[in-house]
Amino acid sequence: MNDYVIGAGAILTAGPNASIAVATLHAQTDSAIAGVVRAAVVDFESTSPEDLSRLVAIATGWNMHEVRDAFVAPLVARGACALVDVFSTLASAAGIDEIHLFARWLPDELLTAGLAQRGATIVAHPLEAIRQAALVCAHGITRLPAPVRAA
């Protein structure tokens, strides 16, 4: 299984019906990539950050309690979250300074600079670097209060 990124985290849904659902991800990729990923954000759907509606954010070695306490709770406490908040909260919660992004889009300068100001960097990979993936979501989706927006 040395060519898999396996982690626990959450599915974040943006917009008026924003939600966070705890999830696990098993993503098959090259062993060179899998060997260095400690935390990742995966966008399976969007072609650009402007189209973003749902993300998967995970860290390796986490369990569901750590996800809720270290990642979900700080995001909910923020109220409104921009994309840079999701990346920086993930980096901080995982205790790392490098987040891997798997998407059909590249991070823009604003996201990269904002994250750098918070002490972290993004390593971008094309979504196609994931050959196959299994995403397991908790049964109950937590709906956030109306003023809360997840990025």
N, C-alpha and C. Protein backbone atom coordinates (compact mmCIF):
# COMPACT_ATOMS: atom_id res chain seq x y z
N MET A 1 0.83 -1.19 0.00
CA MET A 1 0.00 0.00 0.00
C MET A 1 0.87 1.26 0.00
N ASN A 2 2.13 1.13 -0.45
CA ASN A 2 2.99 2.30 -0.44
C ASN A 2 2.69 3.27 -1.58
N ASP A 3 1.71 2.98 -2.40
CA ASP A 3 1.31 3.93 -3.44
C ASP A 3 -0.07 4.53 -3.14
N TYR A 4 -0.44 4.53 -1.88
CA TYR A 4 -1.72 5.11 -1.45
C TYR A 4 -1.49 6.24 -0.46
N VAL A 5 -2.29 7.28 -0.59
CA VAL A 5 -2.41 8.31 0.43
C VAL A 5 -3.68 7.94 1.19
N ILE A 6 -3.54 7.65 2.47
CA ILE A 6 -4.67 7.25 3.29
C ILE A 6 -4.76 8.22 4.46
N GLY A 7 -5.91 8.84 4.60
CA GLY A 7 -6.04 9.80 5.69
C GLY A 7 -7.48 10.01 6.10
N ALA A 8 -7.62 10.63 7.25
CA ALA A 8 -8.94 11.02 7.74
C ALA A 8 -9.03 12.54 7.68
N GLY A 9 -10.22 13.02 7.49
CA GLY A 9 -10.43 14.45 7.39
C GLY A 9 -11.90 14.76 7.24
N ALA A 10 -12.19 15.65 6.29
CA ALA A 10 -13.58 16.08 6.13
C ALA A 10 -13.87 16.49 4.70
N ILE A 11 -15.14 16.37 4.35
CA ILE A 11 -15.66 16.92 3.10
C ILE A 11 -16.27 18.26 3.46
N LEU A 12 -15.78 19.31 2.82
CA LEU A 12 -16.27 20.67 3.08
C LEU A 12 -17.11 21.11 1.90
N THR A 13 -18.32 21.52 2.17
CA THR A 13 -19.22 22.02 1.13
C THR A 13 -19.45 23.50 1.36
N ALA A 14 -19.26 24.29 0.31
CA ALA A 14 -19.39 25.74 0.40
C ALA A 14 -20.80 26.19 0.05
N GLY A 15 -21.08 27.45 0.32
CA GLY A 15 -22.34 28.04 -0.10
C GLY A 15 -23.33 28.20 1.01
N PRO A 16 -24.59 28.55 0.64
CA PRO A 16 -25.62 28.81 1.63
C PRO A 16 -25.96 27.61 2.49
N ASN A 17 -25.74 26.41 1.96
CA ASN A 17 -25.99 25.19 2.73
C ASN A 17 -24.67 24.54 3.13
N ALA A 18 -23.72 25.36 3.54
CA ALA A 18 -22.38 24.88 3.89
C ALA A 18 -22.46 23.76 4.93
N SER A 19 -21.57 22.79 4.77
CA SER A 19 -21.54 21.67 5.71
C SER A 19 -20.14 21.10 5.78
N ILE A 20 -19.92 20.35 6.84
CA ILE A 20 -18.67 19.61 7.01
C ILE A 20 -19.06 18.20 7.43
N ALA A 21 -18.56 17.22 6.70
CA ALA A 21 -18.81 15.83 7.04
C ALA A 21 -17.47 15.12 7.21
N VAL A 22 -17.29 14.45 8.32
CA VAL A 22 -16.06 13.72 8.58
C VAL A 22 -15.96 12.58 7.57
N ALA A 23 -14.75 12.35 7.06
CA ALA A 23 -14.56 11.35 6.01
C ALA A 23 -13.16 10.76 6.06
N THR A 24 -12.98 9.64 5.38
CA THR A 24 -11.65 9.08 5.15
C THR A 24 -11.46 8.93 3.64
N LEU A 25 -10.21 9.02 3.23
CA LEU A 25 -9.87 8.92 1.81
C LEU A 25 -8.72 7.95 1.63
N HIS A 26 -8.87 7.06 0.67
CA HIS A 26 -7.80 6.18 0.22
C HIS A 26 -7.60 6.54 -1.25
N ALA A 27 -6.47 7.16 -1.57
CA ALA A 27 -6.21 7.61 -2.94
C ALA A 27 -4.94 6.95 -3.46
N GLN A 28 -5.08 6.23 -4.57
CA GLN A 28 -3.92 5.58 -5.16
C GLN A 28 -3.21 6.55 -6.08
N THR A 29 -1.92 6.71 -5.86
CA THR A 29 -1.09 7.60 -6.67
C THR A 29 0.29 6.97 -6.80
N ASP A 30 1.24 7.67 -7.37
CA ASP A 30 2.60 7.16 -7.47
C ASP A 30 3.22 7.05 -6.08
N SER A 31 4.05 6.05 -5.87
CA SER A 31 4.66 5.87 -4.55
C SER A 31 5.54 7.06 -4.17
N ALA A 32 6.15 7.73 -5.14
CA ALA A 32 6.97 8.91 -4.84
C ALA A 32 6.12 10.03 -4.25
N ILE A 33 4.90 10.18 -4.74
CA ILE A 33 3.98 11.20 -4.20
C ILE A 33 3.42 10.72 -2.86
N ALA A 34 2.94 9.50 -2.83
CA ALA A 34 2.31 8.98 -1.61
C ALA A 34 3.27 9.00 -0.43
N GLY A 35 4.55 8.81 -0.69
CA GLY A 35 5.53 8.77 0.38
C GLY A 35 5.77 10.10 1.08
N VAL A 36 5.39 11.21 0.45
CA VAL A 36 5.66 12.52 1.06
C VAL A 36 4.41 13.27 1.51
N VAL A 37 3.23 12.79 1.15
CA VAL A 37 1.99 13.49 1.51
C VAL A 37 1.64 13.21 2.97
N ARG A 38 1.58 14.26 3.77
CA ARG A 38 1.13 14.16 5.16
C ARG A 38 -0.24 14.80 5.33
N ALA A 39 -0.58 15.72 4.42
CA ALA A 39 -1.90 16.34 4.42
C ALA A 39 -2.21 16.75 2.99
N ALA A 40 -3.49 16.66 2.63
CA ALA A 40 -3.87 16.97 1.26
C ALA A 40 -5.26 17.56 1.20
N VAL A 41 -5.45 18.39 0.18
CA VAL A 41 -6.76 18.89 -0.19
C VAL A 41 -7.01 18.35 -1.59
N VAL A 42 -8.18 17.73 -1.78
CA VAL A 42 -8.53 17.14 -3.06
C VAL A 42 -9.83 17.78 -3.54
N ASP A 43 -9.79 18.25 -4.78
CA ASP A 43 -10.98 18.80 -5.42
C ASP A 43 -11.30 17.91 -6.60
N PHE A 44 -12.28 17.03 -6.43
CA PHE A 44 -12.65 16.09 -7.48
C PHE A 44 -13.54 16.72 -8.54
N GLU A 45 -14.13 17.89 -8.28
CA GLU A 45 -15.20 18.40 -9.14
C GLU A 45 -14.86 19.64 -9.95
N SER A 46 -14.20 20.62 -9.36
CA SER A 46 -14.07 21.94 -9.98
C SER A 46 -12.96 22.00 -11.02
N THR A 47 -13.12 22.94 -11.93
CA THR A 47 -12.08 23.21 -12.92
C THR A 47 -11.31 24.48 -12.60
N SER A 48 -11.80 25.24 -11.62
CA SER A 48 -11.11 26.45 -11.18
C SER A 48 -11.55 26.75 -9.75
N PRO A 49 -10.77 27.55 -9.03
CA PRO A 49 -11.18 27.90 -7.66
C PRO A 49 -12.50 28.66 -7.61
N GLU A 50 -12.83 29.37 -8.68
CA GLU A 50 -14.09 30.12 -8.72
C GLU A 50 -15.31 29.19 -8.75
N ASP A 51 -15.13 27.97 -9.26
CA ASP A 51 -16.21 27.00 -9.35
C ASP A 51 -16.28 26.08 -8.12
N LEU A 52 -15.41 26.31 -7.18
CA LEU A 52 -15.27 25.43 -6.04
C LEU A 52 -16.56 25.33 -5.24
N SER A 53 -16.99 24.10 -5.00
CA SER A 53 -18.17 23.90 -4.16
C SER A 53 -17.94 22.84 -3.10
N ARG A 54 -17.00 21.95 -3.33
CA ARG A 54 -16.77 20.85 -2.38
C ARG A 54 -15.31 20.43 -2.43
N LEU A 55 -14.72 20.27 -1.25
CA LEU A 55 -13.33 19.83 -1.10
C LEU A 55 -13.25 18.67 -0.13
N VAL A 56 -12.23 17.86 -0.29
CA VAL A 56 -11.89 16.86 0.70
C VAL A 56 -10.54 17.27 1.27
N ALA A 57 -10.45 17.41 2.57
CA ALA A 57 -9.20 17.77 3.25
C ALA A 57 -8.87 16.66 4.24
N ILE A 58 -7.66 16.10 4.11
CA ILE A 58 -7.29 14.97 4.96
C ILE A 58 -5.86 15.12 5.47
N ALA A 59 -5.57 14.41 6.54
CA ALA A 59 -4.20 14.26 7.03
C ALA A 59 -3.98 12.79 7.34
N THR A 60 -2.79 12.32 7.06
CA THR A 60 -2.48 10.93 7.35
C THR A 60 -2.27 10.76 8.85
N GLY A 61 -2.66 9.61 9.36
CA GLY A 61 -2.47 9.31 10.76
C GLY A 61 -3.53 9.84 11.70
N TRP A 62 -4.48 10.57 11.17
CA TRP A 62 -5.54 11.12 12.02
C TRP A 62 -6.62 10.08 12.26
N ASN A 63 -7.31 10.21 13.40
CA ASN A 63 -8.53 9.45 13.63
C ASN A 63 -9.69 10.45 13.65
N MET A 64 -10.89 9.97 13.74
CA MET A 64 -12.06 10.84 13.65
C MET A 64 -12.13 11.87 14.78
N HIS A 65 -11.68 11.50 15.96
CA HIS A 65 -11.69 12.46 17.06
C HIS A 65 -10.72 13.61 16.79
N GLU A 66 -9.54 13.29 16.26
CA GLU A 66 -8.57 14.33 15.91
C GLU A 66 -9.11 15.24 14.82
N VAL A 67 -9.80 14.66 13.85
CA VAL A 67 -10.40 15.46 12.78
C VAL A 67 -11.37 16.47 13.37
N ARG A 68 -12.27 16.00 14.22
CA ARG A 68 -13.27 16.89 14.81
C ARG A 68 -12.64 17.96 15.70
N ASP A 69 -11.69 17.56 16.53
CA ASP A 69 -11.10 18.50 17.49
C ASP A 69 -10.10 19.46 16.85
N ALA A 70 -9.21 18.94 16.01
CA ALA A 70 -8.11 19.75 15.48
C ALA A 70 -8.44 20.49 14.20
N PHE A 71 -9.40 19.98 13.42
CA PHE A 71 -9.68 20.57 12.12
C PHE A 71 -11.09 21.15 12.01
N VAL A 72 -12.09 20.35 12.27
CA VAL A 72 -13.48 20.79 12.09
C VAL A 72 -13.83 21.89 13.10
N ALA A 73 -13.54 21.69 14.36
CA ALA A 73 -13.90 22.69 15.38
C ALA A 73 -13.30 24.07 15.10
N PRO A 74 -12.02 24.18 14.75
CA PRO A 74 -11.48 25.51 14.42
C PRO A 74 -12.15 26.15 13.20
N LEU A 75 -12.49 25.36 12.20
CA LEU A 75 -13.17 25.93 11.03
C LEU A 75 -14.55 26.45 11.40
N VAL A 76 -15.29 25.66 12.17
CA VAL A 76 -16.62 26.09 12.59
C VAL A 76 -16.52 27.34 13.46
N ALA A 77 -15.52 27.39 14.32
CA ALA A 77 -15.35 28.55 15.21
C ALA A 77 -15.05 29.83 14.42
N ARG A 78 -14.43 29.71 13.25
CA ARG A 78 -14.12 30.88 12.42
C ARG A 78 -15.38 31.51 11.87
N GLY A 79 -16.41 30.73 11.69
CA GLY A 79 -17.62 31.25 11.05
C GLY A 79 -17.49 31.18 9.55
N ALA A 80 -16.98 32.23 8.94
CA ALA A 80 -16.77 32.25 7.49
C ALA A 80 -15.33 31.84 7.20
N CYS A 81 -15.16 30.99 6.19
CA CYS A 81 -13.82 30.49 5.85
C CYS A 81 -13.52 30.72 4.39
N ALA A 82 -12.37 31.30 4.12
CA ALA A 82 -11.86 31.39 2.76
C ALA A 82 -11.00 30.15 2.50
N LEU A 83 -10.64 29.95 1.26
CA LEU A 83 -9.83 28.79 0.90
C LEU A 83 -8.51 28.78 1.67
N VAL A 84 -7.89 29.94 1.83
CA VAL A 84 -6.64 30.01 2.57
C VAL A 84 -6.84 29.57 4.03
N ASP A 85 -8.01 29.82 4.60
CA ASP A 85 -8.30 29.39 5.97
C ASP A 85 -8.34 27.87 6.06
N VAL A 86 -8.93 27.24 5.06
CA VAL A 86 -9.00 25.77 5.05
C VAL A 86 -7.60 25.19 4.99
N PHE A 87 -6.78 25.69 4.06
CA PHE A 87 -5.41 25.18 3.92
C PHE A 87 -4.60 25.42 5.18
N SER A 88 -4.65 26.63 5.72
CA SER A 88 -3.83 26.95 6.90
C SER A 88 -4.31 26.20 8.14
N THR A 89 -5.60 26.03 8.29
CA THR A 89 -6.13 25.27 9.42
C THR A 89 -5.70 23.81 9.33
N LEU A 90 -5.73 23.26 8.12
CA LEU A 90 -5.28 21.88 7.92
C LEU A 90 -3.79 21.75 8.26
N ALA A 91 -2.97 22.68 7.78
CA ALA A 91 -1.53 22.64 8.06
C ALA A 91 -1.27 22.74 9.55
N SER A 92 -1.93 23.67 10.19
CA SER A 92 -1.75 23.86 11.63
C SER A 92 -2.21 22.63 12.42
N ALA A 93 -3.38 22.12 12.08
CA ALA A 93 -3.92 20.96 12.79
C ALA A 93 -3.05 19.73 12.62
N ALA A 94 -2.47 19.57 11.42
CA ALA A 94 -1.63 18.41 11.16
C ALA A 94 -0.19 18.62 11.63
N GLY A 95 0.14 19.84 12.03
CA GLY A 95 1.49 20.13 12.51
C GLY A 95 2.54 20.08 11.42
N ILE A 96 2.15 20.52 10.22
CA ILE A 96 3.07 20.50 9.08
C ILE A 96 3.05 21.85 8.37
N ASP A 97 3.96 22.03 7.43
CA ASP A 97 3.99 23.30 6.70
C ASP A 97 3.81 23.11 5.20
N GLU A 98 3.39 21.92 4.78
CA GLU A 98 3.23 21.64 3.35
C GLU A 98 1.93 20.87 3.11
N ILE A 99 1.05 21.49 2.32
CA ILE A 99 -0.22 20.85 1.97
C ILE A 99 -0.17 20.49 0.49
N HIS A 100 -0.55 19.28 0.18
CA HIS A 100 -0.60 18.85 -1.22
C HIS A 100 -2.01 19.09 -1.74
N LEU A 101 -2.08 19.64 -2.94
CA LEU A 101 -3.35 19.91 -3.60
C LEU A 101 -3.47 19.03 -4.83
N PHE A 102 -4.55 18.28 -4.92
CA PHE A 102 -4.86 17.47 -6.10
C PHE A 102 -6.10 18.09 -6.71
N ALA A 103 -5.96 18.69 -7.88
CA ALA A 103 -7.09 19.39 -8.51
C ALA A 103 -6.82 19.59 -9.99
N ARG A 104 -7.86 20.04 -10.69
CA ARG A 104 -7.73 20.39 -12.11
C ARG A 104 -7.29 21.84 -12.30
N TRP A 105 -7.04 22.53 -11.20
CA TRP A 105 -6.63 23.92 -11.23
C TRP A 105 -5.40 24.11 -10.35
N LEU A 106 -4.70 25.21 -10.58
CA LEU A 106 -3.52 25.55 -9.79
C LEU A 106 -3.86 26.66 -8.81
N PRO A 107 -3.21 26.69 -7.66
CA PRO A 107 -3.46 27.77 -6.72
C PRO A 107 -2.97 29.09 -7.29
N ASP A 108 -3.73 30.16 -7.06
CA ASP A 108 -3.32 31.47 -7.56
C ASP A 108 -2.35 32.13 -6.57
N GLU A 109 -1.83 33.28 -6.97
CA GLU A 109 -0.85 33.99 -6.14
C GLU A 109 -1.44 34.42 -4.80
N LEU A 110 -2.70 34.81 -4.80
CA LEU A 110 -3.34 35.25 -3.56
C LEU A 110 -3.37 34.11 -2.53
N LEU A 111 -3.77 32.92 -2.96
CA LEU A 111 -3.81 31.76 -2.07
C LEU A 111 -2.40 31.39 -1.62
N THR A 112 -1.48 31.33 -2.55
CA THR A 112 -0.10 30.95 -2.24
C THR A 112 0.54 31.94 -1.27
N ALA A 113 0.37 33.23 -1.54
CA ALA A 113 0.95 34.27 -0.67
C ALA A 113 0.29 34.27 0.71
N GLY A 114 -1.03 34.13 0.74
CA GLY A 114 -1.75 34.11 2.01
C GLY A 114 -1.33 32.94 2.87
N LEU A 115 -1.13 31.81 2.24
CA LEU A 115 -0.69 30.63 2.98
C LEU A 115 0.76 30.79 3.44
N ALA A 116 1.60 31.37 2.60
CA ALA A 116 3.00 31.61 2.98
C ALA A 116 3.08 32.53 4.19
N GLN A 117 2.20 33.52 4.26
CA GLN A 117 2.17 34.43 5.41
C GLN A 117 1.84 33.67 6.70
N ARG A 118 1.16 32.56 6.54
CA ARG A 118 0.78 31.75 7.71
C ARG A 118 1.76 30.59 7.92
N GLY A 119 2.86 30.59 7.16
CA GLY A 119 3.93 29.62 7.37
C GLY A 119 3.77 28.29 6.67
N ALA A 120 2.99 28.23 5.62
CA ALA A 120 2.79 26.96 4.91
C ALA A 120 2.90 27.15 3.40
N THR A 121 3.07 26.07 2.69
CA THR A 121 3.16 26.09 1.23
C THR A 121 2.23 25.03 0.64
N ILE A 122 1.96 25.19 -0.65
CA ILE A 122 1.13 24.24 -1.39
C ILE A 122 2.00 23.54 -2.42
N VAL A 123 1.86 22.23 -2.50
CA VAL A 123 2.48 21.45 -3.56
C VAL A 123 1.33 20.96 -4.43
N ALA A 124 1.26 21.46 -5.67
CA ALA A 124 0.13 21.16 -6.55
C ALA A 124 0.42 19.94 -7.42
N HIS A 125 -0.59 19.10 -7.55
CA HIS A 125 -0.54 17.92 -8.42
C HIS A 125 -1.81 17.93 -9.28
N PRO A 126 -1.72 17.45 -10.50
CA PRO A 126 -2.96 17.33 -11.29
C PRO A 126 -3.85 16.26 -10.66
N LEU A 127 -5.15 16.45 -10.78
CA LEU A 127 -6.09 15.47 -10.23
C LEU A 127 -5.82 14.08 -10.81
N GLU A 128 -5.34 14.04 -12.03
CA GLU A 128 -5.06 12.77 -12.69
C GLU A 128 -3.93 11.99 -12.02
N ALA A 129 -3.20 12.62 -11.10
CA ALA A 129 -2.17 11.90 -10.34
C ALA A 129 -2.80 10.88 -9.41
N ILE A 130 -4.09 11.04 -9.13
CA ILE A 130 -4.83 10.04 -8.35
C ILE A 130 -5.46 9.09 -9.35
N ARG A 131 -4.99 7.85 -9.33
CA ARG A 131 -5.50 6.86 -10.30
C ARG A 131 -6.89 6.36 -9.92
N GLN A 132 -7.08 6.14 -8.63
CA GLN A 132 -8.40 5.76 -8.13
C GLN A 132 -8.48 6.16 -6.67
N ALA A 133 -9.71 6.34 -6.21
CA ALA A 133 -9.89 6.78 -4.84
C ALA A 133 -11.16 6.20 -4.26
N ALA A 134 -11.12 5.97 -2.96
CA ALA A 134 -12.30 5.56 -2.20
C ALA A 134 -12.50 6.60 -1.10
N LEU A 135 -13.68 7.17 -1.08
CA LEU A 135 -14.02 8.20 -0.10
C LEU A 135 -15.17 7.66 0.75
N VAL A 136 -14.95 7.60 2.05
CA VAL A 136 -15.96 7.12 2.96
C VAL A 136 -16.36 8.28 3.85
N CYS A 137 -17.64 8.61 3.81
CA CYS A 137 -18.15 9.76 4.54
C CYS A 137 -18.97 9.28 5.73
N ALA A 138 -18.86 10.04 6.85
CA ALA A 138 -19.70 9.74 8.01
C ALA A 138 -21.16 9.86 7.59
N HIS A 139 -22.01 9.07 8.19
CA HIS A 139 -23.42 9.06 7.80
C HIS A 139 -24.11 10.39 8.03
N GLY A 140 -23.83 11.01 9.13
CA GLY A 140 -24.50 12.26 9.42
C GLY A 140 -23.69 13.45 8.94
N ILE A 141 -24.29 14.29 8.17
CA ILE A 141 -23.63 15.51 7.74
C ILE A 141 -24.04 16.62 8.69
N THR A 142 -23.05 17.31 9.19
CA THR A 142 -23.31 18.42 10.10
C THR A 142 -23.62 19.67 9.29
N ARG A 143 -24.81 20.19 9.39
CA ARG A 143 -25.18 21.44 8.75
C ARG A 143 -24.74 22.58 9.65
N LEU A 144 -24.04 23.52 9.07
CA LEU A 144 -23.54 24.64 9.85
C LEU A 144 -24.60 25.72 9.94
N PRO A 145 -24.56 26.54 10.98
CA PRO A 145 -25.52 27.63 11.10
C PRO A 145 -25.45 28.55 9.89
N ALA A 146 -26.56 29.21 9.57
CA ALA A 146 -26.66 30.04 8.36
C ALA A 146 -25.51 31.01 8.16
N PRO A 147 -24.99 31.70 9.18
CA PRO A 147 -23.91 32.65 8.91
C PRO A 147 -22.57 31.99 8.63
N VAL A 148 -22.45 30.67 8.86
CA VAL A 148 -21.18 30.00 8.66
C VAL A 148 -21.07 29.56 7.21
N ARG A 149 -19.91 29.80 6.63
CA ARG A 149 -19.67 29.40 5.25
C ARG A 149 -18.33 28.67 5.20
N ALA A 150 -18.31 27.47 4.66
CA ALA A 150 -17.05 26.73 4.49
C ALA A 150 -16.55 26.97 3.08
N ALA A 151 -15.27 27.08 2.92
CA ALA A 151 -14.69 27.31 1.60
C ALA A 151 -14.52 26.02 0.86
